């Protein structure tokens, strides 16, 4: 598939609003709690094959590639949903492990607690920043969307340039 300049990509639907994105996230969390991780993980994997999570599916949201303007493929979904969030955890985890290591093997327990606190602080800052990014800009992209070159579109609302193709007059 040919990669297009982001300014040339024309999307068939409008960008999902922060309300829709947070709603999809909430529905996904409820589904996971009700169905348990043993059932919800395979369900999520199947839904991701369609560029959607179960919460996004219920709200008719889909992940699109900013490179092609088409629904994102499995590689982008994997990068967006697994690799990037794993990266959010690496630095905080290092700090927490260092802190616990210092605390167990040293007389400097205060220093260990500082490292543990820094780990939790970095995780919190990264996660909160990522969520608040959806309120910025017209695309409402999170950090993971920016890195993976994806956007979330609301498939219930076609863009003006594509609305004629969806009208049934």
Protein backbone atom coordinates (compact mmCIF):
# COMPACT_ATOMS: atom_id res chain seq x y z
CA UNK A 1 0.00 0.00 0.00
CA UNK A 2 1.38 3.39 -0.96
CA UNK A 3 2.07 5.82 1.85
CA UNK A 4 0.46 9.21 1.29
CA UNK A 5 1.41 12.56 2.76
CA UNK A 6 -0.78 13.12 5.83
CA UNK A 7 -2.07 16.35 4.29
CA UNK A 8 -3.30 14.38 1.24
CA UNK A 9 -5.14 11.69 3.19
CA UNK A 10 -8.92 12.10 2.91
CA UNK A 11 -10.90 10.25 5.53
CA UNK A 12 -14.41 8.99 4.77
CA UNK A 13 -15.63 9.72 8.31
CA UNK A 14 -15.18 12.43 10.93
CA UNK A 15 -12.69 12.21 13.76
CA UNK A 16 -14.05 10.67 16.96
CA UNK A 17 -14.65 13.22 19.70
CA UNK A 18 -13.05 12.87 23.13
CA UNK A 19 -16.48 11.92 24.49
CA UNK A 20 -16.76 9.03 22.03
CA UNK A 21 -13.19 7.91 22.70
CA UNK A 22 -13.64 7.94 26.47
CA UNK A 23 -17.01 6.20 26.08
CA UNK A 24 -15.42 3.43 24.03
CA UNK A 25 -12.71 3.07 26.67
CA UNK A 26 -15.31 2.85 29.45
CA UNK A 27 -17.37 0.24 27.60
CA UNK A 28 -14.22 -1.79 27.00
CA UNK A 29 -13.33 -1.64 30.72
CA UNK A 30 -16.83 -2.78 31.73
CA UNK A 31 -16.72 -5.63 29.21
CA UNK A 32 -13.35 -6.74 30.59
CA UNK A 33 -14.64 -6.64 34.18
CA UNK A 34 -17.82 -8.56 33.34
CA UNK A 35 -16.35 -11.16 31.01
CA UNK A 36 -13.07 -11.58 32.88
CA UNK A 37 -9.69 -11.36 31.17
CA UNK A 38 -9.86 -15.02 30.06
CA UNK A 39 -12.78 -14.28 27.75
CA UNK A 40 -12.16 -10.62 26.96
CA UNK A 41 -8.56 -11.05 25.73
CA UNK A 42 -9.52 -13.37 22.81
CA UNK A 43 -12.51 -11.14 22.07
CA UNK A 44 -10.24 -8.09 21.95
CA UNK A 45 -7.81 -9.89 19.63
CA UNK A 46 -10.65 -10.74 17.23
CA UNK A 47 -12.01 -7.19 17.33
CA UNK A 48 -8.54 -5.71 16.77
CA UNK A 49 -8.41 -7.63 13.51
CA UNK A 50 -11.23 -5.30 12.41
CA UNK A 51 -9.32 -2.22 13.68
CA UNK A 52 -11.66 -1.91 16.66
CA UNK A 53 -11.85 -2.81 20.31
CA UNK A 54 -15.20 -4.12 21.60
CA UNK A 55 -15.93 -0.68 23.12
CA UNK A 56 -15.10 1.05 19.85
CA UNK A 57 -17.23 -1.46 17.95
CA UNK A 58 -20.28 -0.64 20.06
CA UNK A 59 -19.86 3.09 19.30
CA UNK A 60 -19.01 2.54 15.60
CA UNK A 61 -15.47 3.86 16.00
CA UNK A 62 -12.53 2.45 14.03
CA UNK A 63 -8.76 2.94 13.97
CA UNK A 64 -7.53 4.33 10.63
CA UNK A 65 -3.98 4.69 9.34
CA UNK A 66 -2.82 8.27 8.74
CA UNK A 67 -0.46 6.87 6.09
CA UNK A 68 -3.18 5.43 3.84
CA UNK A 69 -6.54 6.74 5.07
CA UNK A 70 -7.76 3.12 5.35
CA UNK A 71 -8.56 1.05 8.45
CA UNK A 72 -5.32 0.27 10.26
CA UNK A 73 -3.76 -3.13 9.70
CA UNK A 74 -2.69 -5.65 12.32
CA UNK A 75 0.88 -4.29 12.53
CA UNK A 76 -0.30 -0.79 13.39
CA UNK A 77 -2.87 -2.15 15.85
CA UNK A 78 -0.18 -4.25 17.55
CA UNK A 79 2.19 -1.27 17.72
CA UNK A 80 -0.55 1.03 19.02
CA UNK A 81 -2.09 -1.32 21.58
CA UNK A 82 0.87 -3.36 22.85
CA UNK A 83 4.31 -1.94 22.05
CA UNK A 84 3.69 1.73 22.83
CA UNK A 85 1.90 1.15 26.18
CA UNK A 86 4.70 -1.26 27.10
CA UNK A 87 7.10 1.61 26.46
CA UNK A 88 5.13 3.78 28.88
CA UNK A 89 5.95 1.25 31.59
CA UNK A 90 9.66 0.72 30.98
CA UNK A 91 11.11 3.83 32.68
CA UNK A 92 8.68 3.78 35.63
CA UNK A 93 9.32 0.07 36.15
CA UNK A 94 13.10 0.61 36.18
CA UNK A 95 12.69 3.28 38.87
CA UNK A 96 10.38 1.10 40.96
CA UNK A 97 12.68 -1.93 40.72
CA UNK A 98 15.71 0.19 41.58
CA UNK A 99 13.82 1.61 44.53
CA UNK A 100 12.82 -1.80 45.86
CA UNK A 101 16.36 -3.09 45.29
CA UNK A 102 17.88 -0.18 47.20
CA UNK A 103 15.31 -0.57 49.95
CA UNK A 104 15.98 -4.30 50.44
CA UNK A 105 19.76 -4.28 50.16
CA UNK A 106 20.76 -1.04 51.80
CA UNK A 107 20.54 1.12 54.84
CA UNK A 108 19.23 3.90 52.61
CA UNK A 109 15.53 3.10 52.68
CA UNK A 110 14.64 6.75 52.10
CA UNK A 111 16.49 6.68 48.77
CA UNK A 112 14.64 3.52 47.75
CA UNK A 113 11.30 5.14 48.54
CA UNK A 114 12.28 8.15 46.42
CA UNK A 115 12.99 5.88 43.43
CA UNK A 116 9.70 4.02 43.89
CA UNK A 117 7.87 7.35 44.10
CA UNK A 118 9.61 8.61 40.96
CA UNK A 119 8.59 5.46 39.10
CA UNK A 120 4.94 5.89 40.01
CA UNK A 121 5.17 9.62 39.27
CA UNK A 122 6.61 9.06 35.76
CA UNK A 123 3.94 6.46 35.00
CA UNK A 124 1.16 8.76 36.20
CA UNK A 125 2.48 11.76 34.24
CA UNK A 126 2.86 9.71 31.04
CA UNK A 127 -0.58 8.11 31.32
CA UNK A 128 -2.41 11.34 32.22
CA UNK A 129 -0.62 13.27 29.45
CA UNK A 130 -1.57 10.54 26.97
CA UNK A 131 -5.24 10.72 27.91
CA UNK A 132 -5.40 14.52 27.92
CA UNK A 133 -3.95 14.68 24.40
CA UNK A 134 -7.33 13.60 23.00
CA UNK A 135 -8.70 16.99 24.02
CA UNK A 136 -6.08 18.78 21.87
CA UNK A 137 -6.32 19.36 18.13
CA UNK A 138 -8.96 18.39 15.61
CA UNK A 139 -7.80 14.77 15.32
CA UNK A 140 -8.00 14.06 19.08
CA UNK A 141 -4.98 11.73 18.92
CA UNK A 142 -3.39 10.15 21.96
CA UNK A 143 0.37 9.73 22.18
CA UNK A 144 0.02 6.14 20.98
CA UNK A 145 -1.94 7.35 17.92
CA UNK A 146 0.70 9.94 17.05
CA UNK A 147 3.54 7.41 17.32
CA UNK A 148 1.68 4.64 15.45
CA UNK A 149 0.34 7.06 12.77
CA UNK A 150 -3.31 6.32 13.49
CA UNK A 151 -6.54 8.23 14.12
CA UNK A 152 -9.92 7.14 15.46
CA UNK A 153 -12.86 7.86 13.18
CA UNK A 154 -16.59 7.84 13.95
CA UNK A 155 -18.13 5.71 11.21
CA UNK A 156 -21.62 7.05 11.95
CA UNK A 157 -20.71 10.50 10.62
CA UNK A 158 -19.30 10.71 7.08
CA UNK A 159 -17.20 13.72 6.15
CA UNK A 160 -18.79 16.30 3.86
CA UNK A 161 -16.72 15.14 0.89
CA UNK A 162 -17.97 11.56 1.39
CA UNK A 163 -21.54 12.27 2.54
CA UNK A 164 -22.90 12.05 -1.03
CA UNK A 165 -21.61 8.49 -1.32
CA UNK A 166 -23.55 7.52 1.81
CA UNK A 167 -26.85 9.27 1.03
CA UNK A 168 -29.69 7.13 -0.25
CA UNK A 169 -31.83 9.75 -2.03
